[in-house]
C-alpha atoms as a PDB file:
ATOM      1  CA  MET A   1      18.515   9.997   0.599  1.00  0.00           C
ATOM      2  CA  SER A   2      18.827   9.821  -3.145  1.00  0.00           C
ATOM      3  CA  ILE A   3      16.229  11.823  -5.031  1.00  0.00           C
ATOM      4  CA  ALA A   4      16.484   9.336  -7.912  1.00  0.00           C
ATOM      5  CA  ARG A   5      15.825   6.393  -5.537  1.00  0.00           C
ATOM      6  CA  ARG A   6      12.837   8.185  -4.002  1.00  0.00           C
ATOM      7  CA  LYS A   7      11.437   8.984  -7.457  1.00  0.00           C
ATOM      8  CA  SER A   8      11.921   5.385  -8.585  1.00  0.00           C
ATOM      9  CA  LEU A   9      10.045   4.009  -5.555  1.00  0.00           C
ATOM     10  CA  VAL A  10       7.146   6.446  -5.997  1.00  0.00           C
ATOM     11  CA  GLU A  11       6.917   5.598  -9.711  1.00  0.00           C
ATOM     12  CA  SER A  12       6.867   1.887  -8.874  1.00  0.00           C
ATOM     13  CA  ILE A  13       4.035   2.333  -6.360  1.00  0.00           C
ATOM     14  CA  ILE A  14       2.010   4.418  -8.803  1.00  0.00           C
ATOM     15  CA  ALA A  15       2.583   2.038 -11.730  1.00  0.00           C
ATOM     16  CA  ASN A  16       1.780  -1.113  -9.741  1.00  0.00           C
ATOM     17  CA  ILE A  17      -1.203   0.205  -7.786  1.00  0.00           C
ATOM     18  CA  GLU A  18      -2.654   3.535  -8.863  1.00  0.00           C
ATOM     19  CA  ASP A  19      -2.318   2.898 -12.603  1.00  0.00           C
ATOM     20  CA  ASN A  20      -3.386  -0.737 -12.235  1.00  0.00           C
ATOM     21  CA  LYS A  21      -6.705  -1.294 -13.985  1.00  0.00           C
ATOM     22  CA  ASN A  22      -7.531  -4.151 -11.609  1.00  0.00           C
ATOM     23  CA  SER A  23      -9.468  -2.550  -8.740  1.00  0.00           C
ATOM     24  CA  TRP A  24      -9.041  -5.725  -6.672  1.00  0.00           C
ATOM     25  CA  VAL A  25      -5.303  -5.054  -6.574  1.00  0.00           C
ATOM     26  CA  LYS A  26      -5.934  -1.576  -5.180  1.00  0.00           C
ATOM     27  CA  ALA A  27      -8.348  -2.936  -2.594  1.00  0.00           C
ATOM     28  CA  LEU A  28      -5.920  -5.648  -1.504  1.00  0.00           C
ATOM     29  CA  PHE A  29      -2.996  -3.207  -1.309  1.00  0.00           C
ATOM     30  CA  TYR A  30      -4.859  -0.584   0.711  1.00  0.00           C
ATOM     31  CA  SER A  31      -6.414  -3.185   3.030  1.00  0.00           C
ATOM     32  CA  ASP A  32      -2.951  -4.463   4.018  1.00  0.00           C
ATOM     33  CA  LYS A  33      -2.359  -3.551   7.701  1.00  0.00           C
ATOM     34  CA  GLU A  34       1.122  -2.147   7.154  1.00  0.00           C
ATOM     35  CA  VAL A  35       0.105  -0.173   4.066  1.00  0.00           C
ATOM     36  CA  SER A  36      -2.931   1.161   5.906  1.00  0.00           C
ATOM     37  CA  ARG A  37      -0.824   2.246   8.888  1.00  0.00           C
ATOM     38  CA  ILE A  38       1.695   4.048   6.674  1.00  0.00           C
ATOM     39  CA  MET A  39      -0.979   5.684   4.526  1.00  0.00           C
ATOM     40  CA  GLU A  40      -2.838   6.939   7.598  1.00  0.00           C
ATOM     41  CA  ARG A  41       0.303   8.704   8.758  1.00  0.00           C
ATOM     42  CA  LEU A  42       1.038  10.117   5.306  1.00  0.00           C
ATOM     43  CA  VAL A  43      -2.478  11.439   4.770  1.00  0.00           C
ATOM     44  CA  SER A  44      -2.471  12.976   8.241  1.00  0.00           C
ATOM     45  CA  GLU A  45       0.839  14.715   7.499  1.00  0.00           C
ATOM     46  CA  TRP A  46      -0.447  15.822   4.082  1.00  0.00           C
ATOM     47  CA  ILE A  47      -3.592  17.330   5.649  1.00  0.00           C
ATOM     48  CA  LYS A  48      -1.514  19.121   8.316  1.00  0.00           C
ATOM     49  CA  ASN A  49       0.456  20.684   5.460  1.00  0.00           C
ATOM     50  CA  ASN A  50      -2.670  22.059   3.727  1.00  0.00           C
ATOM     51  CA  MET A  51      -2.666  19.192   1.211  1.00  0.00           C
ATOM     52  CA  ALA A  52       0.486  20.456  -0.442  1.00  0.00           C
ATOM     53  CA  GLY A  53       1.852  17.938  -2.932  1.00  0.00           C
ATOM     54  CA  GLU A  54       0.820  14.310  -2.606  1.00  0.00           C
ATOM     55  CA  PRO A  55       0.660  12.062   0.476  1.00  0.00           C
ATOM     56  CA  LEU A  56       3.653  10.043  -0.804  1.00  0.00           C
ATOM     57  CA  ASP A  57       5.730  13.226  -0.639  1.00  0.00           C
ATOM     58  CA  TYR A  58       5.653  12.870   3.162  1.00  0.00           C
ATOM     59  CA  ALA A  59       6.972   9.286   3.241  1.00  0.00           C
ATOM     60  CA  SER A  60      10.400   8.365   4.524  1.00  0.00           C
ATOM     61  CA  ILE A  61      12.594   6.287   2.254  1.00  0.00           C
ATOM     62  CA  GLU A  62      11.896   3.287   4.513  1.00  0.00           C
ATOM     63  CA  GLU A  63       8.138   3.772   4.166  1.00  0.00           C
ATOM     64  CA  LEU A  64       8.466   4.094   0.390  1.00  0.00           C
ATOM     65  CA  GLU A  65      10.492   0.883   0.278  1.00  0.00           C
ATOM     66  CA  ILE A  66       7.794  -0.966   2.245  1.00  0.00           C
ATOM     67  CA  LEU A  67       5.018   0.433   0.044  1.00  0.00           C
ATOM     68  CA  ALA A  68       6.929  -0.373  -3.155  1.00  0.00           C
ATOM     69  CA  GLU A  69       7.578  -3.935  -1.948  1.00  0.00           C
ATOM     70  CA  LYS A  70       3.894  -4.404  -1.083  1.00  0.00           C
ATOM     71  CA  ALA A  71       2.868  -2.865  -4.422  1.00  0.00           C
ATOM     72  CA  GLU A  72       5.108  -5.348  -6.211  1.00  0.00           C
ATOM     73  CA  GLN A  73       3.635  -8.181  -4.129  1.00  0.00           C
ATOM     74  CA  TYR A  74       0.018  -7.261  -4.893  1.00  0.00           C
ATOM     75  CA  ARG A  75       0.241  -5.964  -8.489  1.00  0.00           C
ATOM     76  CA  ASP A  76      -0.913  -9.210 -10.123  1.00  0.00           C
ATOM     77  CA  ALA A  77      -3.162 -10.471  -7.336  1.00  0.00           C
ATOM     78  CA  PRO A  78      -6.406 -12.071  -8.513  1.00  0.00           C
ATOM     79  CA  GLN A  79      -9.844 -11.168  -7.199  1.00  0.00           C
ATOM     80  CA  GLU A  80      -9.828 -14.379  -5.158  1.00  0.00           C
ATOM     81  CA  ALA A  81      -6.879 -13.145  -3.079  1.00  0.00           C
ATOM     82  CA  PHE A  82      -8.815 -10.062  -2.015  1.00  0.00           C
ATOM     83  CA  LEU A  83     -11.973 -12.036  -1.248  1.00  0.00           C
ATOM     84  CA  ARG A  84      -9.989 -14.598   0.741  1.00  0.00           C
ATOM     85  CA  THR A  85      -8.326 -11.823   2.769  1.00  0.00           C
ATOM     86  CA  MET A  86     -11.637 -10.118   3.478  1.00  0.00           C
ATOM     87  CA  LEU A  87     -13.218 -13.411   4.523  1.00  0.00           C
ATOM     88  CA  ARG A  88     -10.352 -14.097   6.932  1.00  0.00           C
ATOM     89  CA  LYS A  89     -10.660 -10.619   8.406  1.00  0.00           C
ATOM     90  CA  SER A  90     -14.409 -10.902   8.813  1.00  0.00           C
ATOM     91  CA  THR A  91     -14.117 -14.252  10.585  1.00  0.00           C
ATOM     92  CA  ASN A  92     -11.026 -13.316  12.630  1.00  0.00           C
ATOM     93  CA  THR A  93      -9.029 -16.174  11.127  1.00  0.00           C
ATOM     94  CA  GLU A  94      -6.387 -13.950   9.577  1.00  0.00           C
ATOM     95  CA  GLU A  95      -3.841 -14.403  12.367  1.00  0.00           C
ATOM     96  CA  GLN A  96      -4.519 -18.127  12.717  1.00  0.00           C
ATOM     97  CA  SER A  97      -3.864 -18.760   9.022  1.00  0.00           C
ATOM     98  CA  ARG A  98      -0.501 -16.956   9.197  1.00  0.00           C
ATOM     99  CA  GLU A  99       0.637 -19.057  12.125  1.00  0.00           C
ATOM    100  CA  GLU A 100      -0.050 -22.349  10.322  1.00  0.00           C
END
């Protein structure tokens, strides 16, 4: 695994999500099922290692690629996208809308 590739992916995630001034983007990103699943594993691993480094340090290259792709997807999302997602989740219509 290329250290430069890993660094580039982490920088992309940080720039698109963590440094994003739009809090709706962060909420939408972290509420994504796949992002949530990956982050749960990373935080768990980070805690097991006495919180050494950052949670992203424990990600595989594949996980970083998924997170970077999702970060790119959500970086410019408007508030309405987050509210729409939350409404679908609260009414259990999320899966139905994807199938249509």
